[in-house]
Amino acid sequence: MDSTAPWAALLRVHAALMPVLDQELQAAHGLPLTWYDVLLELNAAPGRRLTMSALGTAAVVSRSRVSRVVDELVRAGLVEREANPDDRRSAYAKLTPSGRARLRAASPTYLAGIERHFTGRMTRTEAQAVATALGKVLRAHEASTVAPLEPRR
């Protein structure tokens, strides 16, 4: 096997499935996948809030887009910006009760999509092998960075 084959497969699967999951969330809940991802990260965070920098690191959306996505979520009433009393240069993005309700309503659609389009195409053993291998790569990356990513759910 070519050593780049796993990487190429990961990129192709990601490119193929992200638009499908996005379309399903938007059709069922009017919620783009980028919004869902930010809401998910905020929901899992202590106090359901993260600094913009931490959110940019944790969310799948690019760091350059996270501020724009948060602005959209603020306009939709799903997130609010909160001043950071410890650092006046930064602010928190905080999940609102409406944001949490939208996330909860959309979660079954998101999880069903993952099952239907991704994990449902593998055996349990294959899915575990993929999760183990990707986890190993992520942990190695986090260990090699100066500021490791925040723990995921």
C-alpha atoms as a PDB file:
ATOM      1  CA  MET A   1       0.000   0.000   0.000  1.00  0.00           C
ATOM      2  CA  ASP A   2       1.172   3.497  -0.853  1.00  0.00           C
ATOM      3  CA  SER A   3       2.011   5.333   2.386  1.00  0.00           C
ATOM      4  CA  THR A   4      -0.188   8.265   1.331  1.00  0.00           C
ATOM      5  CA  ALA A   5      -3.236   6.073   0.635  1.00  0.00           C
ATOM      6  CA  PRO A   6      -4.736   6.434   4.150  1.00  0.00           C
ATOM      7  CA  TRP A   7      -4.295  10.199   3.994  1.00  0.00           C
ATOM      8  CA  ALA A   8      -5.846  10.427   0.531  1.00  0.00           C
ATOM      9  CA  ALA A   9      -8.775   8.256   1.643  1.00  0.00           C
ATOM     10  CA  LEU A  10      -9.329  10.435   4.718  1.00  0.00           C
ATOM     11  CA  LEU A  11      -9.377  13.592   2.597  1.00  0.00           C
ATOM     12  CA  ARG A  12     -11.744  12.085   0.023  1.00  0.00           C
ATOM     13  CA  VAL A  13     -14.151  10.780   2.663  1.00  0.00           C
ATOM     14  CA  HIS A  14     -14.116  14.132   4.452  1.00  0.00           C
ATOM     15  CA  ALA A  15     -14.741  16.036   1.195  1.00  0.00           C
ATOM     16  CA  ALA A  16     -17.558  13.679   0.206  1.00  0.00           C
ATOM     17  CA  LEU A  17     -19.391  13.467   3.532  1.00  0.00           C
ATOM     18  CA  MET A  18     -19.153  16.979   4.964  1.00  0.00           C
ATOM     19  CA  PRO A  19     -21.472  18.476   2.317  1.00  0.00           C
ATOM     20  CA  VAL A  20     -23.940  15.613   2.808  1.00  0.00           C
ATOM     21  CA  LEU A  21     -24.053  16.081   6.597  1.00  0.00           C
ATOM     22  CA  ASP A  22     -24.302  19.841   6.108  1.00  0.00           C
ATOM     23  CA  GLN A  23     -27.238  19.473   3.711  1.00  0.00           C
ATOM     24  CA  GLU A  24     -29.054  17.103   6.058  1.00  0.00           C
ATOM     25  CA  LEU A  25     -28.669  19.448   9.041  1.00  0.00           C
ATOM     26  CA  GLN A  26     -29.737  22.473   7.022  1.00  0.00           C
ATOM     27  CA  ALA A  27     -32.763  20.696   5.521  1.00  0.00           C
ATOM     28  CA  ALA A  28     -33.981  19.324   8.848  1.00  0.00           C
ATOM     29  CA  HIS A  29     -32.994  22.131  11.225  1.00  0.00           C
ATOM     30  CA  GLY A  30     -31.823  25.175   9.249  1.00  0.00           C
ATOM     31  CA  LEU A  31     -28.461  24.667  10.914  1.00  0.00           C
ATOM     32  CA  PRO A  32     -25.236  24.626   8.874  1.00  0.00           C
ATOM     33  CA  LEU A  33     -22.654  22.043   9.898  1.00  0.00           C
ATOM     34  CA  THR A  34     -20.204  24.808  10.872  1.00  0.00           C
ATOM     35  CA  TRP A  35     -22.773  26.175  13.309  1.00  0.00           C
ATOM     36  CA  TYR A  36     -23.448  22.697  14.696  1.00  0.00           C
ATOM     37  CA  ASP A  37     -19.734  22.144  15.266  1.00  0.00           C
ATOM     38  CA  VAL A  38     -19.293  25.419  17.166  1.00  0.00           C
ATOM     39  CA  LEU A  39     -22.424  24.752  19.254  1.00  0.00           C
ATOM     40  CA  LEU A  40     -21.151  21.237  20.009  1.00  0.00           C
ATOM     41  CA  GLU A  41     -17.777  22.525  21.211  1.00  0.00           C
ATOM     42  CA  LEU A  42     -19.379  25.217  23.360  1.00  0.00           C
ATOM     43  CA  ASN A  43     -21.821  22.725  24.871  1.00  0.00           C
ATOM     44  CA  ALA A  44     -18.932  20.450  25.890  1.00  0.00           C
ATOM     45  CA  ALA A  45     -16.857  23.290  27.397  1.00  0.00           C
ATOM     46  CA  PRO A  46     -16.813  24.202  31.084  1.00  0.00           C
ATOM     47  CA  GLY A  47     -19.519  26.791  31.668  1.00  0.00           C
ATOM     48  CA  ARG A  48     -20.570  26.233  28.039  1.00  0.00           C
ATOM     49  CA  ARG A  49     -18.152  28.935  26.954  1.00  0.00           C
ATOM     50  CA  LEU A  50     -14.732  29.211  25.320  1.00  0.00           C
ATOM     51  CA  THR A  51     -12.455  32.059  24.387  1.00  0.00           C
ATOM     52  CA  MET A  52     -12.437  32.752  20.687  1.00  0.00           C
ATOM     53  CA  SER A  53      -8.875  31.425  20.525  1.00  0.00           C
ATOM     54  CA  ALA A  54      -9.783  28.164  22.251  1.00  0.00           C
ATOM     55  CA  LEU A  55     -12.881  27.806  20.077  1.00  0.00           C
ATOM     56  CA  GLY A  56     -10.751  28.328  16.975  1.00  0.00           C
ATOM     57  CA  THR A  57      -8.505  25.503  18.127  1.00  0.00           C
ATOM     58  CA  ALA A  58     -11.286  23.112  19.141  1.00  0.00           C
ATOM     59  CA  ALA A  59     -13.798  23.583  16.330  1.00  0.00           C
ATOM     60  CA  VAL A  60     -13.426  21.946  12.947  1.00  0.00           C
ATOM     61  CA  VAL A  61     -14.182  25.292  11.290  1.00  0.00           C
ATOM     62  CA  SER A  62     -10.990  27.160  10.366  1.00  0.00           C
ATOM     63  CA  ARG A  63      -9.583  29.649  12.842  1.00  0.00           C
ATOM     64  CA  SER A  64     -10.018  32.436  10.317  1.00  0.00           C
ATOM     65  CA  ARG A  65     -13.749  31.646   9.996  1.00  0.00           C
ATOM     66  CA  VAL A  66     -14.579  31.061  13.656  1.00  0.00           C
ATOM     67  CA  SER A  67     -15.179  34.745  14.393  1.00  0.00           C
ATOM     68  CA  ARG A  68     -17.537  35.070  11.428  1.00  0.00           C
ATOM     69  CA  VAL A  69     -19.424  31.907  12.442  1.00  0.00           C
ATOM     70  CA  VAL A  70     -19.756  33.187  16.021  1.00  0.00           C
ATOM     71  CA  ASP A  71     -21.079  36.505  14.670  1.00  0.00           C
ATOM     72  CA  GLU A  72     -23.722  34.576  12.706  1.00  0.00           C
ATOM     73  CA  LEU A  73     -24.631  32.527  15.786  1.00  0.00           C
ATOM     74  CA  VAL A  74     -24.910  35.706  17.881  1.00  0.00           C
ATOM     75  CA  ARG A  75     -27.293  37.224  15.311  1.00  0.00           C
ATOM     76  CA  ALA A  76     -29.342  34.003  15.445  1.00  0.00           C
ATOM     77  CA  GLY A  77     -29.490  34.186  19.267  1.00  0.00           C
ATOM     78  CA  LEU A  78     -27.688  30.849  19.701  1.00  0.00           C
ATOM     79  CA  VAL A  79     -24.444  32.236  21.146  1.00  0.00           C
ATOM     80  CA  GLU A  80     -23.520  35.390  23.011  1.00  0.00           C
ATOM     81  CA  ARG A  81     -20.217  37.148  23.393  1.00  0.00           C
ATOM     82  CA  GLU A  82     -19.112  37.670  26.960  1.00  0.00           C
ATOM     83  CA  ALA A  83     -16.248  39.884  28.116  1.00  0.00           C
ATOM     84  CA  ASN A  84     -13.248  38.074  29.557  1.00  0.00           C
ATOM     85  CA  PRO A  85     -12.542  39.756  32.930  1.00  0.00           C
ATOM     86  CA  ASP A  86      -9.052  38.225  33.021  1.00  0.00           C
ATOM     87  CA  ASP A  87      -8.004  39.444  29.577  1.00  0.00           C
ATOM     88  CA  ARG A  88      -9.642  42.541  28.138  1.00  0.00           C
ATOM     89  CA  ARG A  89      -8.229  41.718  24.687  1.00  0.00           C
ATOM     90  CA  SER A  90     -10.277  38.528  24.424  1.00  0.00           C
ATOM     91  CA  ALA A  91     -13.904  37.544  24.729  1.00  0.00           C
ATOM     92  CA  TYR A  92     -15.807  34.364  25.361  1.00  0.00           C
ATOM     93  CA  ALA A  93     -18.328  32.792  23.046  1.00  0.00           C
ATOM     94  CA  LYS A  94     -21.057  31.403  25.292  1.00  0.00           C
ATOM     95  CA  LEU A  95     -23.858  29.034  24.361  1.00  0.00           C
ATOM     96  CA  THR A  96     -27.337  30.437  25.016  1.00  0.00           C
ATOM     97  CA  PRO A  97     -30.283  28.311  26.137  1.00  0.00           C
ATOM     98  CA  SER A  98     -31.688  28.677  22.604  1.00  0.00           C
ATOM     99  CA  GLY A  99     -28.386  27.466  21.189  1.00  0.00           C
ATOM    100  CA  ARG A 100     -28.422  24.449  23.458  1.00  0.00           C
ATOM    101  CA  ALA A 101     -32.000  23.645  22.463  1.00  0.00           C
ATOM    102  CA  ARG A 102     -31.130  23.860  18.742  1.00  0.00           C
ATOM    103  CA  LEU A 103     -28.094  21.639  19.280  1.00  0.00           C
ATOM    104  CA  ARG A 104     -30.176  19.057  21.120  1.00  0.00           C
ATOM    105  CA  ALA A 105     -32.839  19.105  18.417  1.00  0.00           C
ATOM    106  CA  ALA A 106     -30.254  18.660  15.646  1.00  0.00           C
ATOM    107  CA  SER A 107     -28.142  15.988  17.373  1.00  0.00           C
ATOM    108  CA  PRO A 108     -30.263  12.987  16.309  1.00  0.00           C
ATOM    109  CA  THR A 109     -30.024  14.084  12.656  1.00  0.00           C
ATOM    110  CA  TYR A 110     -26.263  14.551  12.911  1.00  0.00           C
ATOM    111  CA  LEU A 111     -25.668  11.241  14.671  1.00  0.00           C
ATOM    112  CA  ALA A 112     -27.937   9.362  12.257  1.00  0.00           C
ATOM    113  CA  GLY A 113     -26.029  10.893   9.351  1.00  0.00           C
ATOM    114  CA  ILE A 114     -22.702   9.735  10.763  1.00  0.00           C
ATOM    115  CA  GLU A 115     -24.123   6.241  11.197  1.00  0.00           C
ATOM    116  CA  ARG A 116     -25.755   6.143   7.751  1.00  0.00           C
ATOM    117  CA  HIS A 117     -22.865   7.600   5.749  1.00  0.00           C
ATOM    118  CA  PHE A 118     -19.760   6.626   7.748  1.00  0.00           C
ATOM    119  CA  THR A 119     -19.730   4.129  10.599  1.00  0.00           C
ATOM    120  CA  GLY A 120     -22.619   2.145   9.143  1.00  0.00           C
ATOM    121  CA  ARG A 121     -20.407   1.338   6.143  1.00  0.00           C
ATOM    122  CA  MET A 122     -17.873  -0.433   8.396  1.00  0.00           C
ATOM    123  CA  THR A 123     -17.864  -3.362  10.728  1.00  0.00           C
ATOM    124  CA  ARG A 124     -17.564  -2.565  14.415  1.00  0.00           C
ATOM    125  CA  THR A 125     -13.940  -3.791  14.272  1.00  0.00           C
ATOM    126  CA  GLU A 126     -13.141  -1.534  11.307  1.00  0.00           C
ATOM    127  CA  ALA A 127     -14.735   1.473  12.987  1.00  0.00           C
ATOM    128  CA  GLN A 128     -12.722   0.824  16.152  1.00  0.00           C
ATOM    129  CA  ALA A 129      -9.520   0.486  14.108  1.00  0.00           C
ATOM    130  CA  VAL A 130     -10.191   3.816  12.361  1.00  0.00           C
ATOM    131  CA  ALA A 131     -10.919   5.547  15.686  1.00  0.00           C
ATOM    132  CA  THR A 132      -7.819   4.046  17.293  1.00  0.00           C
ATOM    133  CA  ALA A 133      -5.520   4.972  14.402  1.00  0.00           C
ATOM    134  CA  LEU A 134      -6.810   8.525  14.073  1.00  0.00           C
ATOM    135  CA  GLY A 135      -6.697   8.989  17.850  1.00  0.00           C
ATOM    136  CA  LYS A 136      -3.066   7.904  17.832  1.00  0.00           C
ATOM    137  CA  VAL A 137      -2.221  10.469  15.146  1.00  0.00           C
ATOM    138  CA  LEU A 138      -4.095  13.228  16.992  1.00  0.00           C
ATOM    139  CA  ARG A 139      -2.417  12.472  20.327  1.00  0.00           C
ATOM    140  CA  ALA A 140       1.019  12.543  18.670  1.00  0.00           C
ATOM    141  CA  HIS A 141       0.187  15.879  17.073  1.00  0.00           C
ATOM    142  CA  GLU A 142      -1.077  17.342  20.336  1.00  0.00           C
ATOM    143  CA  ALA A 143       2.014  16.153  22.194  1.00  0.00           C
ATOM    144  CA  SER A 144       4.254  17.863  19.648  1.00  0.00           C
ATOM    145  CA  THR A 145       2.563  21.273  19.806  1.00  0.00           C
ATOM    146  CA  VAL A 146       3.365  23.996  22.309  1.00  0.00           C
ATOM    147  CA  ALA A 147      -0.286  24.546  23.215  1.00  0.00           C
ATOM    148  CA  PRO A 148      -2.155  21.236  22.949  1.00  0.00           C
ATOM    149  CA  LEU A 149      -5.743  21.168  21.779  1.00  0.00           C
ATOM    150  CA  GLU A 150      -8.395  21.065  24.454  1.00  0.00           C
ATOM    151  CA  PRO A 151      -9.737  17.583  25.185  1.00  0.00           C
ATOM    152  CA  ARG A 152     -12.641  16.529  22.995  1.00  0.00           C
ATOM    153  CA  ARG A 153     -15.835  15.045  24.338  1.00  0.00           C
END
